[in-house]
Amino acid sequence: MDCFPNLGCEEFHDVGPGAFDIDCPEGEEDSAVANANPCGHNQAPRRIAFLHTQWAFFLQKANHHERALEHFYKAIQIRPSGNAYFGLGTSLAALRRRTEAQQALEKAIKIAPYMSAGYVNLASVQMSMGDFKDAVDSCNKALQIEPAMREAVMNLSNARRMMGQRSLAIQTLWEHVMLVHSEDENDADLAKMPVDPPVFCCRLEPYYDTLDLPIAVVCVKWGKRYDADYVNRLKAGVLRGMPVPPDRFVCYTDDARGLDTDIEVRGLPDNLKGWWGKVFLFSEEAGLDGYRVIYFDLDQVIVGDLTPIVAYDGPFAILKTDGIACELAKGGYNSSVMSWEASPSFRPIWERCCRATLLFVHRFDHWLEMTNIVEDFWQDILPGAIVDYTTTFRNGICLGANKKVEPKALEPGCQQDIVGDFPQESAFALVKDVNEEEAMKNSPSVPPPNACIVTFPRTPKPHEVLSKHHWIRHYWLLPEEQPTPEFTEAEVQEALK
């Protein structure tokens, strides 16, 4: 059978996962490592430990963390190494054994003090345990080793936000954005220049002579997370909720298949993925100047009269993270619903976005905080008009909170995304065991009377809880999708196809 290569008798250094491609039949690979002598030669203990570590990384990559632990432990028993403890820690984190994960990662960086990925994974575990100050220290140590390490900057910014240090988080991001941007532009002086001030919305005078601007309702669909039905349902809800149809309903997308024919379709730049398509809305090329723009994320359910939203005529309105259950850092922005007077006044949001922005800034919402000072928040100007699903219908308990995706195992010093597969919406979560009955206990049967929008940030999404709420089926599904009054779960799922 194909198995481990014969390494001969030369000395070798510990390396991270992926040094060898190993192909063993299912069920035979563990015994191959245990024997560690596939070619009949006397294997040195160091080599045996190395093979255990490599196979454990292979298992880890396949999400077989329990089996990976066995080989990491065997490797450590034979010959402790920074890589073995690193892999052990990341697999333990994936299994939510955080205290053990922290101990293993601390041992990894004690053996290999220049392992930047060890510090960043340790920071991620510390954040998931609520130890934000320690996470900041770990990220700073990683940045001392690798000053432009993307994951360290992201987690450092997020940890500071969780500590209520939002201004310091923004400063951290700008420092790294300007540093890398100066390298991209081959102009070292850029990194030393003060950052241009953000747009202060409260100081903006109306750009146009009239506040009675035509209305453009816009949304962004990128990738496969949301299908065309999400756009079509949003459009139907908008038409039902607005007193007068908007002058334009525009979807910016990389795939227009399945969209209703009366939806205006516009493309997105190739380099903008996920939520970063929103930044394009502030460009001249987006074609929105001269309109009052009302933006909706696709996971909004329109449940009432949108007249108050349409009537807003200030410079810029957005949700704040306060009162949104799955937004752990308070005092920030949530861009699920926005309204602004589209004009060159907001062009800096687009023009200042560069490769370094996309490299270091975790979310579009964070970029807005860095470039745009907003004072009009929907929760303040229209109390109760937009309600958070999890806060209102799940007693503030996020769906899937006990199914946290942990950091991946990383090769020391590598540039993978520790904060999760894109578009991961949250770098971490404070995980608690969730009892679904408790989460839904005393849940209201309908949205509050003043609500016109129910927002679904993070999880769940409307289709995931469709069978739990009659009001979602009523307000969100298109008429042809509506199940019969005596619906079954199968009918609900069929309506979603």
Foldseek 3Di string as FASTA:
>chain_A
DFADDDPPDDDDDQFAEDPDDGDDPPPCHVVCLVVVQVPPDDDDLLVSLSSLLHVLLVCQVVVVLVVSLVSLVVSVVSPDALNSLLSNLQSCVQVVVLVSSLVSLVVSCVRVVLQLVSLLQNLLSCVLQVNLVSSLVSLVSSCVNVVQFQSSLQSNLVSCLLVVNNVVSLVSLVLNLQCVVCVVVVHNCSSVDDDDAFQEQVPDDDPDPDLPFAEEEEEEDEDDPDDQLLVQLVQVLQCVQEPDRGPAYEYEYPDCPPHDPRHHYHYADPVQGDQSSVLCCLAVVVVCARHWYKYAYSLKFFQHHCVVVVPDRGAKEFAFCPQALQSSRGPFTDHRIMIHNRDNSNNCSNVVDDPSCVRHPLHSRSSCVNHYHDDHYCCVVPNQAEHECQVQQFVSDAPCLQVWRAFRRDIRPDRDNRQDDPPPPGSHHNGDDDDRCNRRPPHDQERPPNYRMYGAPDDDGLLVCVVVHPSSLVRRQDPVLRADPPDDPVSSVVSVD
